[in-house]
Structures are given as C-alpha cells and as structure tokens.
C-alpha cells in the first residue's frame, strides 16, 4: 500500500522537474528521479502507473 503523503510528494517532484502533466511525468519517471529517489518512491511510482493507467517508458 502506498503512503499517500509520499504520493503527493512524488507527484510534486515529477511535475516540477518535468514540466509535463502527471501522466507523462510518471511514465518517464526514470528521467526525473535519481536512483535513491526511484528506490524511495518505488511503491508510489507503481501505484501512480496503475492508477493513471500508463506504462513506464524505458530509459533509452
């Protein structure tokens, strides 16, 4: 179960760093999060991907 406070924080980080809507930012999260942040928000990223019905885009 995701931590909803972390979901809000992650959403804010992705929107701010990407200048995209949240769906695009979540799909490309690898471009906007460092390795530690990706680990820290793993459950929340998966939650948003599922909730927004988007697929994670590969980093290449």
PDB file of N, CA and C in Angstrom:
ATOM      1  N   UNK A   1       0.842  -1.182   0.000  1.00  0.00           N
ATOM      2  CA  UNK A   1       0.000   0.000   0.000  1.00  0.00           C
ATOM      3  C   UNK A   1       0.886   1.244   0.000  1.00  0.00           C
ATOM      4  N   UNK A   2       0.615   2.167  -0.906  1.00  0.00           N
ATOM      5  CA  UNK A   2       1.444   3.362  -0.965  1.00  0.00           C
ATOM      6  C   UNK A   2       1.132   4.337   0.169  1.00  0.00           C
ATOM      7  N   UNK A   3       2.125   5.094   0.526  1.00  0.00           N
ATOM      8  CA  UNK A   3       1.974   6.169   1.502  1.00  0.00           C
ATOM      9  C   UNK A   3       1.460   7.392   0.735  1.00  0.00           C
ATOM     10  N   UNK A   4       0.266   7.848   1.038  1.00  0.00           N
ATOM     11  CA  UNK A   4      -0.349   8.924   0.266  1.00  0.00           C
ATOM     12  C   UNK A   4       0.410  10.244   0.400  1.00  0.00           C
ATOM     13  N   UNK A   5       1.083  10.462   1.511  1.00  0.00           N
ATOM     14  CA  UNK A   5       1.926  11.657   1.639  1.00  0.00           C
ATOM     15  C   UNK A   5       3.097  11.582   0.662  1.00  0.00           C
ATOM     16  N   UNK A   6       3.652  10.375   0.507  1.00  0.00           N
ATOM     17  CA  UNK A   6       4.741  10.195  -0.454  1.00  0.00           C
ATOM     18  C   UNK A   6       4.227  10.312  -1.889  1.00  0.00           C
ATOM     19  N   UNK A   7       2.994   9.900  -2.136  1.00  0.00           N
ATOM     20  CA  UNK A   7       2.398  10.050  -3.464  1.00  0.00           C
ATOM     21  C   UNK A   7       2.300  11.543  -3.805  1.00  0.00           C
ATOM     22  N   UNK A   8       1.855  12.343  -2.859  1.00  0.00           N
ATOM     23  CA  UNK A   8       1.758  13.791  -3.076  1.00  0.00           C
ATOM     24  C   UNK A   8       3.138  14.393  -3.319  1.00  0.00           C
ATOM     25  N   UNK A   9       4.124  13.981  -2.525  1.00  0.00           N
ATOM     26  CA  UNK A   9       5.483  14.494  -2.691  1.00  0.00           C
ATOM     27  C   UNK A   9       6.048  14.088  -4.047  1.00  0.00           C
ATOM     28  N   UNK A  10       5.868  12.835  -4.421  1.00  0.00           N
ATOM     29  CA  UNK A  10       6.356  12.331  -5.705  1.00  0.00           C
ATOM     30  C   UNK A  10       5.696  13.069  -6.862  1.00  0.00           C
ATOM     31  N   UNK A  11       4.395  13.257  -6.786  1.00  0.00           N
ATOM     32  CA  UNK A  11       3.666  13.981  -7.825  1.00  0.00           C
ATOM     33  C   UNK A  11       4.236  15.383  -7.991  1.00  0.00           C
ATOM     34  N   UNK A  12       4.464  16.049  -6.887  1.00  0.00           N
ATOM     35  CA  UNK A  12       5.015  17.408  -6.912  1.00  0.00           C
ATOM     36  C   UNK A  12       6.412  17.430  -7.540  1.00  0.00           C
ATOM     37  N   UNK A  13       7.262  16.507  -7.134  1.00  0.00           N
ATOM     38  CA  UNK A  13       8.628  16.420  -7.673  1.00  0.00           C
ATOM     39  C   UNK A  13       8.589  16.205  -9.183  1.00  0.00           C
ATOM     40  N   UNK A  14       7.803  15.233  -9.624  1.00  0.00           N
ATOM     41  CA  UNK A  14       7.749  14.911 -11.045  1.00  0.00           C
ATOM     42  C   UNK A  14       7.189  16.056 -11.880  1.00  0.00           C
ATOM     43  N   UNK A  15       6.136  16.690 -11.407  1.00  0.00           N
ATOM     44  CA  UNK A  15       5.557  17.809 -12.157  1.00  0.00           C
ATOM     45  C   UNK A  15       6.543  18.971 -12.240  1.00  0.00           C
ATOM     46  N   UNK A  16       7.208  19.265 -11.141  1.00  0.00           N
ATOM     47  CA  UNK A  16       8.148  20.385 -11.109  1.00  0.00           C
ATOM     48  C   UNK A  16       9.360  20.142 -12.009  1.00  0.00           C
ATOM     49  N   UNK A  17       9.935  18.952 -11.934  1.00  0.00           N
ATOM     50  CA  UNK A  17      11.158  18.662 -12.693  1.00  0.00           C
ATOM     51  C   UNK A  17      10.906  18.430 -14.179  1.00  0.00           C
ATOM     52  N   UNK A  18       9.739  17.920 -14.532  1.00  0.00           N
ATOM     53  CA  UNK A  18       9.491  17.515 -15.907  1.00  0.00           C
ATOM     54  C   UNK A  18       8.781  18.573 -16.753  1.00  0.00           C
ATOM     55  N   UNK A  19       8.024  19.442 -16.112  1.00  0.00           N
ATOM     56  CA  UNK A  19       7.158  20.383 -16.832  1.00  0.00           C
ATOM     57  C   UNK A  19       6.156  19.651 -17.735  1.00  0.00           C
ATOM     58  N   UNK A  20       5.774  18.443 -17.336  1.00  0.00           N
ATOM     59  CA  UNK A  20       4.788  17.637 -18.044  1.00  0.00           C
ATOM     60  C   UNK A  20       3.568  17.442 -17.159  1.00  0.00           C
ATOM     61  N   UNK A  21       2.482  16.962 -17.756  1.00  0.00           N
ATOM     62  CA  UNK A  21       1.363  16.550 -16.925  1.00  0.00           C
ATOM     63  C   UNK A  21       1.794  15.300 -16.162  1.00  0.00           C
ATOM     64  N   UNK A  22       1.069  14.969 -15.131  1.00  0.00           N
ATOM     65  CA  UNK A  22       1.497  13.884 -14.241  1.00  0.00           C
ATOM     66  C   UNK A  22       1.565  12.541 -14.963  1.00  0.00           C
ATOM     67  N   UNK A  23       0.678  12.302 -15.926  1.00  0.00           N
ATOM     68  CA  UNK A  23       0.717  11.018 -16.650  1.00  0.00           C
ATOM     69  C   UNK A  23       2.044  10.862 -17.395  1.00  0.00           C
ATOM     70  N   UNK A  24       2.455  11.896 -18.125  1.00  0.00           N
ATOM     71  CA  UNK A  24       3.714  11.844 -18.867  1.00  0.00           C
ATOM     72  C   UNK A  24       4.916  11.779 -17.946  1.00  0.00           C
ATOM     73  N   UNK A  25       4.845  12.513 -16.848  1.00  0.00           N
ATOM     74  CA  UNK A  25       5.959  12.528 -15.903  1.00  0.00           C
ATOM     75  C   UNK A  25       6.146  11.171 -15.232  1.00  0.00           C
ATOM     76  N   UNK A  26       5.036  10.533 -14.868  1.00  0.00           N
ATOM     77  CA  UNK A  26       5.127   9.209 -14.238  1.00  0.00           C
ATOM     78  C   UNK A  26       5.658   8.182 -15.237  1.00  0.00           C
ATOM     79  N   UNK A  27       5.193   8.252 -16.462  1.00  0.00           N
ATOM     80  CA  UNK A  27       5.652   7.305 -17.483  1.00  0.00           C
ATOM     81  C   UNK A  27       7.149   7.436 -17.724  1.00  0.00           C
ATOM     82  N   UNK A  28       7.688   8.647 -17.582  1.00  0.00           N
ATOM     83  CA  UNK A  28       9.116   8.899 -17.820  1.00  0.00           C
ATOM     84  C   UNK A  28       9.884   9.128 -16.518  1.00  0.00           C
ATOM     85  N   UNK A  29       9.381   8.605 -15.414  1.00  0.00           N
ATOM     86  CA  UNK A  29       9.948   8.919 -14.100  1.00  0.00           C
ATOM     87  C   UNK A  29      11.451   8.687 -14.013  1.00  0.00           C
ATOM     88  N   UNK A  30      11.984   7.726 -14.749  1.00  0.00           N
ATOM     89  CA  UNK A  30      13.411   7.405 -14.694  1.00  0.00           C
ATOM     90  C   UNK A  30      14.270   8.608 -15.095  1.00  0.00           C
ATOM     91  N   UNK A  31      13.713   9.494 -15.910  1.00  0.00           N
ATOM     92  CA  UNK A  31      14.450  10.669 -16.364  1.00  0.00           C
ATOM     93  C   UNK A  31      14.501  11.771 -15.318  1.00  0.00           C
ATOM     94  N   UNK A  32      13.609  11.749 -14.360  1.00  0.00           N
ATOM     95  CA  UNK A  32      13.472  12.854 -13.412  1.00  0.00           C
ATOM     96  C   UNK A  32      13.815  12.498 -11.974  1.00  0.00           C
ATOM     97  N   UNK A  33      14.041  11.222 -11.693  1.00  0.00           N
ATOM     98  CA  UNK A  33      14.388  10.786 -10.341  1.00  0.00           C
ATOM     99  C   UNK A  33      15.774  10.167 -10.345  1.00  0.00           C
ATOM    100  N   UNK A  34      16.527  10.408  -9.275  1.00  0.00           N
ATOM    101  CA  UNK A  34      17.815   9.726  -9.173  1.00  0.00           C
ATOM    102  C   UNK A  34      17.577   8.321  -8.615  1.00  0.00           C
ATOM    103  N   UNK A  35      18.623   7.537  -8.542  1.00  0.00           N
ATOM    104  CA  UNK A  35      18.496   6.146  -8.111  1.00  0.00           C
ATOM    105  C   UNK A  35      17.892   5.993  -6.727  1.00  0.00           C
ATOM    106  N   UNK A  36      18.312   6.849  -5.799  1.00  0.00           N
ATOM    107  CA  UNK A  36      17.779   6.774  -4.440  1.00  0.00           C
ATOM    108  C   UNK A  36      16.299   7.133  -4.418  1.00  0.00           C
ATOM    109  N   UNK A  37      15.913   8.185  -5.151  1.00  0.00           N
ATOM    110  CA  UNK A  37      14.505   8.578  -5.195  1.00  0.00           C
ATOM    111  C   UNK A  37      13.653   7.486  -5.832  1.00  0.00           C
ATOM    112  N   UNK A  38      14.167   6.840  -6.868  1.00  0.00           N
ATOM    113  CA  UNK A  38      13.433   5.738  -7.503  1.00  0.00           C
ATOM    114  C   UNK A  38      13.180   4.621  -6.507  1.00  0.00           C
ATOM    115  N   UNK A  39      14.182   4.326  -5.687  1.00  0.00           N
ATOM    116  CA  UNK A  39      14.051   3.304  -4.646  1.00  0.00           C
ATOM    117  C   UNK A  39      13.065   3.759  -3.567  1.00  0.00           C
ATOM    118  N   UNK A  40      13.224   5.012  -3.128  1.00  0.00           N
ATOM    119  CA  UNK A  40      12.409   5.561  -2.053  1.00  0.00           C
ATOM    120  C   UNK A  40      10.924   5.589  -2.413  1.00  0.00           C
ATOM    121  N   UNK A  41      10.611   5.881  -3.678  1.00  0.00           N
ATOM    122  CA  UNK A  41       9.230   6.025  -4.126  1.00  0.00           C
ATOM    123  C   UNK A  41       8.737   4.851  -4.963  1.00  0.00           C
ATOM    124  N   UNK A  42       9.395   3.704  -4.860  1.00  0.00           N
ATOM    125  CA  UNK A  42       9.052   2.548  -5.689  1.00  0.00           C
ATOM    126  C   UNK A  42       7.559   2.202  -5.632  1.00  0.00           C
ATOM    127  N   UNK A  43       7.013   2.042  -4.441  1.00  0.00           N
ATOM    128  CA  UNK A  43       5.588   1.686  -4.294  1.00  0.00           C
ATOM    129  C   UNK A  43       4.679   2.773  -4.837  1.00  0.00           C
ATOM    130  N   UNK A  44       5.057   4.022  -4.617  1.00  0.00           N
ATOM    131  CA  UNK A  44       4.239   5.137  -5.064  1.00  0.00           C
ATOM    132  C   UNK A  44       4.276   5.278  -6.583  1.00  0.00           C
ATOM    133  N   UNK A  45       5.417   5.022  -7.201  1.00  0.00           N
ATOM    134  CA  UNK A  45       5.514   5.035  -8.666  1.00  0.00           C
ATOM    135  C   UNK A  45       4.602   3.962  -9.246  1.00  0.00           C
ATOM    136  N   UNK A  46       4.683   2.758  -8.701  1.00  0.00           N
ATOM    137  CA  UNK A  46       3.834   1.663  -9.181  1.00  0.00           C
ATOM    138  C   UNK A  46       2.354   1.999  -9.003  1.00  0.00           C
ATOM    139  N   UNK A  47       2.020   2.604  -7.876  1.00  0.00           N
ATOM    140  CA  UNK A  47       0.637   2.997  -7.609  1.00  0.00           C
ATOM    141  C   UNK A  47       0.151   4.003  -8.658  1.00  0.00           C
ATOM    142  N   UNK A  48       0.954   5.037  -8.936  1.00  0.00           N
ATOM    143  CA  UNK A  48       0.552   6.049  -9.905  1.00  0.00           C
ATOM    144  C   UNK A  48       0.467   5.475 -11.320  1.00  0.00           C
ATOM    145  N   UNK A  49       1.409   4.606 -11.677  1.00  0.00           N
ATOM    146  CA  UNK A  49       1.348   3.981 -13.001  1.00  0.00           C
ATOM    147  C   UNK A  49       0.036   3.220 -13.169  1.00  0.00           C
ATOM    148  N   UNK A  50      -0.340   2.479 -12.146  1.00  0.00           N
ATOM    149  CA  UNK A  50      -1.577   1.698 -12.210  1.00  0.00           C
ATOM    150  C   UNK A  50      -2.808   2.600 -12.166  1.00  0.00           C
ATOM    151  N   UNK A  51      -2.811   3.563 -11.277  1.00  0.00           N
ATOM    152  CA  UNK A  51      -3.953   4.460 -11.114  1.00  0.00           C
ATOM    153  C   UNK A  51      -4.203   5.289 -12.368  1.00  0.00           C
ATOM    154  N   UNK A  52      -3.117   5.774 -12.988  1.00  0.00           N
ATOM    155  CA  UNK A  52      -3.245   6.624 -14.166  1.00  0.00           C
ATOM    156  C   UNK A  52      -3.329   5.817 -15.459  1.00  0.00           C
ATOM    157  N   UNK A  53      -3.182   4.502 -15.337  1.00  0.00           N
ATOM    158  CA  UNK A  53      -3.246   3.586 -16.471  1.00  0.00           C
ATOM    159  C   UNK A  53      -2.253   3.968 -17.578  1.00  0.00           C
ATOM    160  N   UNK A  54      -0.986   4.135 -17.150  1.00  0.00           N
ATOM    161  CA  UNK A  54       0.097   4.401 -18.099  1.00  0.00           C
ATOM    162  C   UNK A  54       1.189   3.368 -17.891  1.00  0.00           C
ATOM    163  N   UNK A  55       1.979   3.157 -18.930  1.00  0.00           N
ATOM    164  CA  UNK A  55       3.104   2.235 -18.834  1.00  0.00           C
ATOM    165  C   UNK A  55       4.388   3.025 -18.689  1.00  0.00           C
ATOM    166  N   UNK A  56       5.284   2.491 -17.890  1.00  0.00           N
ATOM    167  CA  UNK A  56       6.582   3.117 -17.690  1.00  0.00           C
ATOM    168  C   UNK A  56       7.377   3.028 -18.983  1.00  0.00           C
ATOM    169  N   UNK A  57       7.953   4.151 -19.394  1.00  0.00           N
ATOM    170  CA  UNK A  57       8.746   4.177 -20.608  1.00  0.00           C
ATOM    171  C   UNK A  57      10.178   3.800 -20.301  1.00  0.00           C
ATOM    172  N   UNK A  58      10.817   3.011 -21.182  1.00  0.00           N
ATOM    173  CA  UNK A  58      12.214   2.636 -20.948  1.00  0.00           C
ATOM    174  C   UNK A  58      13.125   3.859 -21.043  1.00  0.00           C
ATOM    175  N   UNK A  59      14.280   3.808 -20.361  1.00  0.00           N
ATOM    176  CA  UNK A  59      15.163   4.964 -20.325  1.00  0.00           C
ATOM    177  C   UNK A  59      15.937   5.217 -21.603  1.00  0.00           C
ATOM    178  N   UNK A  60      15.795   4.393 -22.612  1.00  0.00           N
ATOM    179  CA  UNK A  60      16.569   4.594 -23.856  1.00  0.00           C
ATOM    180  C   UNK A  60      15.683   4.893 -25.026  1.00  0.00           C
TER     181      UNK A  60
END
